[in-house]
């Protein structure tokens, strides 16, 4: 008995759909992996301390630093303190494990008059993240003297007029 033409057509359409979905998935995986090309020879390795994690150990000028906090205990209460290469407090992020066990946060090292970070070169160097109120060890990361494409033109990376 012959199959009706519509059944054959449906089968061919299903095969084509599977091929297209496979090609799109492969392309997505390829482009995702290309976006994770190491910066300046870095391994792009996440750095953790207890429930705190940043997505890399090395950043370029204009990069965002992403912090993921997962599994804070109710006794984990304090502040995340981010110190710039000159030792100044760049930002302070409060946390309270009783209120919220998980959260994400990001910041971008930028030039600021109040922090005496006057030029993009002042951002280059070793940064430290401390966890005030806990016994978790500090995390260190480095900002290198390489630019994210287009970041040099951004207002948050322009030199701050003196006196700074």
C-alpha atoms as a PDB file:
ATOM      1  CA  UNK A   1       0.000   0.000   0.000  1.00  0.00           C
ATOM      2  CA  UNK A   2       1.299   3.419  -0.995  1.00  0.00           C
ATOM      3  CA  UNK A   3       1.665   6.191   1.578  1.00  0.00           C
ATOM      4  CA  UNK A   4      -0.294   9.272   0.776  1.00  0.00           C
ATOM      5  CA  UNK A   5       1.838  12.179  -0.486  1.00  0.00           C
ATOM      6  CA  UNK A   6       1.015  14.305   2.540  1.00  0.00           C
ATOM      7  CA  UNK A   7       2.639  11.776   4.917  1.00  0.00           C
ATOM      8  CA  UNK A   8       5.843  11.730   2.835  1.00  0.00           C
ATOM      9  CA  UNK A   9       5.859  15.518   2.771  1.00  0.00           C
ATOM     10  CA  UNK A  10       5.463  15.654   6.583  1.00  0.00           C
ATOM     11  CA  UNK A  11       8.370  13.249   7.010  1.00  0.00           C
ATOM     12  CA  UNK A  12      10.627  15.320   4.757  1.00  0.00           C
ATOM     13  CA  UNK A  13       9.625  18.505   6.607  1.00  0.00           C
ATOM     14  CA  UNK A  14      10.446  16.863   9.949  1.00  0.00           C
ATOM     15  CA  UNK A  15      13.913  15.837   8.702  1.00  0.00           C
ATOM     16  CA  UNK A  16      14.563  19.356   7.409  1.00  0.00           C
ATOM     17  CA  UNK A  17      13.434  20.840  10.746  1.00  0.00           C
ATOM     18  CA  UNK A  18      15.839  18.566  12.659  1.00  0.00           C
ATOM     19  CA  UNK A  19      18.731  19.553  10.368  1.00  0.00           C
ATOM     20  CA  UNK A  20      17.963  23.284  10.763  1.00  0.00           C
ATOM     21  CA  UNK A  21      17.672  23.021  14.569  1.00  0.00           C
ATOM     22  CA  UNK A  22      20.959  21.098  14.746  1.00  0.00           C
ATOM     23  CA  UNK A  23      22.735  23.691  12.588  1.00  0.00           C
ATOM     24  CA  UNK A  24      21.393  26.584  14.673  1.00  0.00           C
ATOM     25  CA  UNK A  25      22.409  24.855  17.912  1.00  0.00           C
ATOM     26  CA  UNK A  26      25.915  24.183  16.589  1.00  0.00           C
ATOM     27  CA  UNK A  27      26.270  27.801  15.488  1.00  0.00           C
ATOM     28  CA  UNK A  28      25.093  29.021  18.913  1.00  0.00           C
ATOM     29  CA  UNK A  29      27.627  26.846  20.719  1.00  0.00           C
ATOM     30  CA  UNK A  30      30.398  28.031  18.390  1.00  0.00           C
ATOM     31  CA  UNK A  31      29.618  31.731  18.925  1.00  0.00           C
ATOM     32  CA  UNK A  32      29.270  31.258  22.700  1.00  0.00           C
ATOM     33  CA  UNK A  33      32.703  29.658  22.863  1.00  0.00           C
ATOM     34  CA  UNK A  34      34.199  32.394  20.679  1.00  0.00           C
ATOM     35  CA  UNK A  35      32.900  35.038  23.106  1.00  0.00           C
ATOM     36  CA  UNK A  36      34.865  33.334  25.892  1.00  0.00           C
ATOM     37  CA  UNK A  37      38.290  33.826  24.266  1.00  0.00           C
ATOM     38  CA  UNK A  38      40.831  34.296  27.075  1.00  0.00           C
ATOM     39  CA  UNK A  39      41.874  37.861  27.886  1.00  0.00           C
ATOM     40  CA  UNK A  40      45.591  38.522  27.727  1.00  0.00           C
ATOM     41  CA  UNK A  41      46.419  34.827  27.990  1.00  0.00           C
ATOM     42  CA  UNK A  42      44.250  34.354  31.107  1.00  0.00           C
ATOM     43  CA  UNK A  43      42.416  31.106  31.651  1.00  0.00           C
ATOM     44  CA  UNK A  44      39.085  32.918  32.297  1.00  0.00           C
ATOM     45  CA  UNK A  45      38.644  30.971  35.486  1.00  0.00           C
ATOM     46  CA  UNK A  46      35.957  31.811  38.024  1.00  0.00           C
ATOM     47  CA  UNK A  47      37.314  32.773  41.456  1.00  0.00           C
ATOM     48  CA  UNK A  48      35.354  31.735  44.543  1.00  0.00           C
ATOM     49  CA  UNK A  49      35.397  32.332  48.263  1.00  0.00           C
ATOM     50  CA  UNK A  50      32.618  30.593  50.154  1.00  0.00           C
ATOM     51  CA  UNK A  51      29.321  31.555  48.493  1.00  0.00           C
ATOM     52  CA  UNK A  52      30.930  34.465  46.576  1.00  0.00           C
ATOM     53  CA  UNK A  53      32.219  34.069  43.017  1.00  0.00           C
ATOM     54  CA  UNK A  54      33.482  36.430  40.331  1.00  0.00           C
ATOM     55  CA  UNK A  55      33.543  35.304  36.723  1.00  0.00           C
ATOM     56  CA  UNK A  56      37.223  35.873  35.977  1.00  0.00           C
ATOM     57  CA  UNK A  57      40.618  36.664  37.439  1.00  0.00           C
ATOM     58  CA  UNK A  58      41.589  39.170  34.730  1.00  0.00           C
ATOM     59  CA  UNK A  59      39.603  42.020  33.177  1.00  0.00           C
ATOM     60  CA  UNK A  60      40.256  44.659  30.527  1.00  0.00           C
ATOM     61  CA  UNK A  61      39.511  48.358  30.811  1.00  0.00           C
ATOM     62  CA  UNK A  62      35.768  48.675  30.203  1.00  0.00           C
ATOM     63  CA  UNK A  63      34.846  45.154  31.372  1.00  0.00           C
ATOM     64  CA  UNK A  64      32.131  44.477  33.933  1.00  0.00           C
ATOM     65  CA  UNK A  65      33.008  42.335  36.943  1.00  0.00           C
ATOM     66  CA  UNK A  66      30.149  39.905  37.586  1.00  0.00           C
ATOM     67  CA  UNK A  67      29.643  38.526  41.083  1.00  0.00           C
ATOM     68  CA  UNK A  68      27.339  35.593  41.784  1.00  0.00           C
ATOM     69  CA  UNK A  69      26.422  34.878  45.394  1.00  0.00           C
ATOM     70  CA  UNK A  70      24.839  31.492  46.037  1.00  0.00           C
ATOM     71  CA  UNK A  71      23.942  29.878  49.343  1.00  0.00           C
ATOM     72  CA  UNK A  72      24.524  32.589  51.934  1.00  0.00           C
ATOM     73  CA  UNK A  73      23.851  31.210  55.398  1.00  0.00           C
ATOM     74  CA  UNK A  74      21.574  33.111  57.814  1.00  0.00           C
ATOM     75  CA  UNK A  75      24.697  33.958  59.818  1.00  0.00           C
ATOM     76  CA  UNK A  76      26.351  35.557  56.760  1.00  0.00           C
ATOM     77  CA  UNK A  77      25.763  39.265  57.305  1.00  0.00           C
ATOM     78  CA  UNK A  78      28.146  42.017  56.275  1.00  0.00           C
ATOM     79  CA  UNK A  79      29.498  43.950  53.328  1.00  0.00           C
ATOM     80  CA  UNK A  80      31.417  43.120  50.193  1.00  0.00           C
ATOM     81  CA  UNK A  81      34.195  45.722  50.008  1.00  0.00           C
ATOM     82  CA  UNK A  82      35.915  46.296  46.661  1.00  0.00           C
ATOM     83  CA  UNK A  83      39.306  48.024  46.825  1.00  0.00           C
ATOM     84  CA  UNK A  84      41.028  49.593  43.818  1.00  0.00           C
ATOM     85  CA  UNK A  85      44.771  49.197  43.050  1.00  0.00           C
ATOM     86  CA  UNK A  86      45.542  52.327  45.108  1.00  0.00           C
ATOM     87  CA  UNK A  87      43.887  50.759  48.174  1.00  0.00           C
ATOM     88  CA  UNK A  88      40.836  53.027  48.114  1.00  0.00           C
ATOM     89  CA  UNK A  89      37.321  51.705  48.719  1.00  0.00           C
ATOM     90  CA  UNK A  90      35.708  51.556  45.280  1.00  0.00           C
ATOM     91  CA  UNK A  91      32.303  50.141  46.252  1.00  0.00           C
ATOM     92  CA  UNK A  92      30.495  48.601  49.221  1.00  0.00           C
ATOM     93  CA  UNK A  93      27.765  45.973  48.742  1.00  0.00           C
ATOM     94  CA  UNK A  94      25.713  44.928  51.791  1.00  0.00           C
ATOM     95  CA  UNK A  95      24.522  41.334  52.161  1.00  0.00           C
ATOM     96  CA  UNK A  96      22.359  39.489  54.674  1.00  0.00           C
ATOM     97  CA  UNK A  97      21.847  35.723  54.378  1.00  0.00           C
ATOM     98  CA  UNK A  98      18.687  35.922  56.482  1.00  0.00           C
ATOM     99  CA  UNK A  99      17.074  38.253  53.944  1.00  0.00           C
ATOM    100  CA  UNK A 100      18.442  36.792  50.705  1.00  0.00           C
ATOM    101  CA  UNK A 101      20.575  33.671  50.231  1.00  0.00           C
ATOM    102  CA  UNK A 102      21.351  34.255  46.543  1.00  0.00           C
ATOM    103  CA  UNK A 103      21.933  37.343  44.410  1.00  0.00           C
ATOM    104  CA  UNK A 104      23.915  38.643  41.447  1.00  0.00           C
ATOM    105  CA  UNK A 105      25.792  41.916  41.312  1.00  0.00           C
ATOM    106  CA  UNK A 106      28.046  43.582  38.783  1.00  0.00           C
ATOM    107  CA  UNK A 107      30.259  46.627  38.751  1.00  0.00           C
ATOM    108  CA  UNK A 108      32.640  48.230  36.291  1.00  0.00           C
ATOM    109  CA  UNK A 109      35.984  49.719  37.329  1.00  0.00           C
ATOM    110  CA  UNK A 110      35.646  53.313  36.073  1.00  0.00           C
ATOM    111  CA  UNK A 111      37.347  56.661  36.604  1.00  0.00           C
ATOM    112  CA  UNK A 112      35.909  58.588  39.558  1.00  0.00           C
ATOM    113  CA  UNK A 113      36.956  61.946  40.950  1.00  0.00           C
ATOM    114  CA  UNK A 114      35.941  60.996  44.495  1.00  0.00           C
ATOM    115  CA  UNK A 115      38.087  57.839  44.445  1.00  0.00           C
ATOM    116  CA  UNK A 116      41.177  59.541  43.005  1.00  0.00           C
ATOM    117  CA  UNK A 117      40.967  57.275  39.986  1.00  0.00           C
ATOM    118  CA  UNK A 118      41.614  60.054  37.491  1.00  0.00           C
ATOM    119  CA  UNK A 119      42.724  58.178  34.385  1.00  0.00           C
ATOM    120  CA  UNK A 120      42.004  54.733  32.974  1.00  0.00           C
ATOM    121  CA  UNK A 121      45.609  53.795  33.816  1.00  0.00           C
ATOM    122  CA  UNK A 122      44.735  54.317  37.523  1.00  0.00           C
ATOM    123  CA  UNK A 123      42.363  51.350  37.155  1.00  0.00           C
ATOM    124  CA  UNK A 124      45.119  49.012  35.965  1.00  0.00           C
ATOM    125  CA  UNK A 125      46.515  46.709  38.629  1.00  0.00           C
ATOM    126  CA  UNK A 126      45.438  44.343  41.387  1.00  0.00           C
ATOM    127  CA  UNK A 127      41.980  44.794  42.910  1.00  0.00           C
ATOM    128  CA  UNK A 128      40.804  43.144  46.140  1.00  0.00           C
ATOM    129  CA  UNK A 129      37.339  42.042  47.245  1.00  0.00           C
ATOM    130  CA  UNK A 130      36.910  41.541  51.003  1.00  0.00           C
ATOM    131  CA  UNK A 131      33.924  40.112  52.855  1.00  0.00           C
ATOM    132  CA  UNK A 132      33.484  42.226  55.989  1.00  0.00           C
ATOM    133  CA  UNK A 133      31.647  40.402  58.787  1.00  0.00           C
ATOM    134  CA  UNK A 134      32.677  36.910  57.648  1.00  0.00           C
ATOM    135  CA  UNK A 135      35.724  34.676  57.718  1.00  0.00           C
ATOM    136  CA  UNK A 136      35.717  34.148  53.929  1.00  0.00           C
ATOM    137  CA  UNK A 137      39.086  34.815  52.322  1.00  0.00           C
ATOM    138  CA  UNK A 138      39.519  37.819  50.022  1.00  0.00           C
ATOM    139  CA  UNK A 139      39.368  37.521  46.265  1.00  0.00           C
ATOM    140  CA  UNK A 140      41.875  39.283  44.064  1.00  0.00           C
ATOM    141  CA  UNK A 141      41.558  40.101  40.400  1.00  0.00           C
ATOM    142  CA  UNK A 142      43.563  42.132  37.945  1.00  0.00           C
ATOM    143  CA  UNK A 143      42.622  44.865  35.484  1.00  0.00           C
ATOM    144  CA  UNK A 144      45.075  44.883  32.594  1.00  0.00           C
ATOM    145  CA  UNK A 145      45.997  47.723  30.244  1.00  0.00           C
ATOM    146  CA  UNK A 146      43.896  46.436  27.324  1.00  0.00           C
ATOM    147  CA  UNK A 147      40.607  47.951  26.178  1.00  0.00           C
ATOM    148  CA  UNK A 148      37.236  46.403  25.508  1.00  0.00           C
ATOM    149  CA  UNK A 149      36.244  47.447  21.976  1.00  0.00           C
ATOM    150  CA  UNK A 150      34.533  50.847  22.096  1.00  0.00           C
ATOM    151  CA  UNK A 151      35.100  51.419  25.822  1.00  0.00           C
ATOM    152  CA  UNK A 152      37.643  54.228  25.303  1.00  0.00           C
ATOM    153  CA  UNK A 153      34.895  56.536  24.031  1.00  0.00           C
ATOM    154  CA  UNK A 154      32.591  55.919  27.015  1.00  0.00           C
ATOM    155  CA  UNK A 155      32.078  58.782  29.486  1.00  0.00           C
ATOM    156  CA  UNK A 156      32.902  56.603  32.502  1.00  0.00           C
ATOM    157  CA  UNK A 157      36.417  55.942  31.185  1.00  0.00           C
ATOM    158  CA  UNK A 158      37.447  59.516  30.360  1.00  0.00           C
ATOM    159  CA  UNK A 159      40.196  61.210  32.360  1.00  0.00           C
ATOM    160  CA  UNK A 160      38.827  63.223  35.266  1.00  0.00           C
ATOM    161  CA  UNK A 161      40.046  66.868  35.291  1.00  0.00           C
ATOM    162  CA  UNK A 162      42.665  67.697  37.937  1.00  0.00           C
ATOM    163  CA  UNK A 163      42.759  68.178  40.837  1.00  0.00           C
ATOM    164  CA  UNK A 164      41.581  64.688  41.404  1.00  0.00           C
END
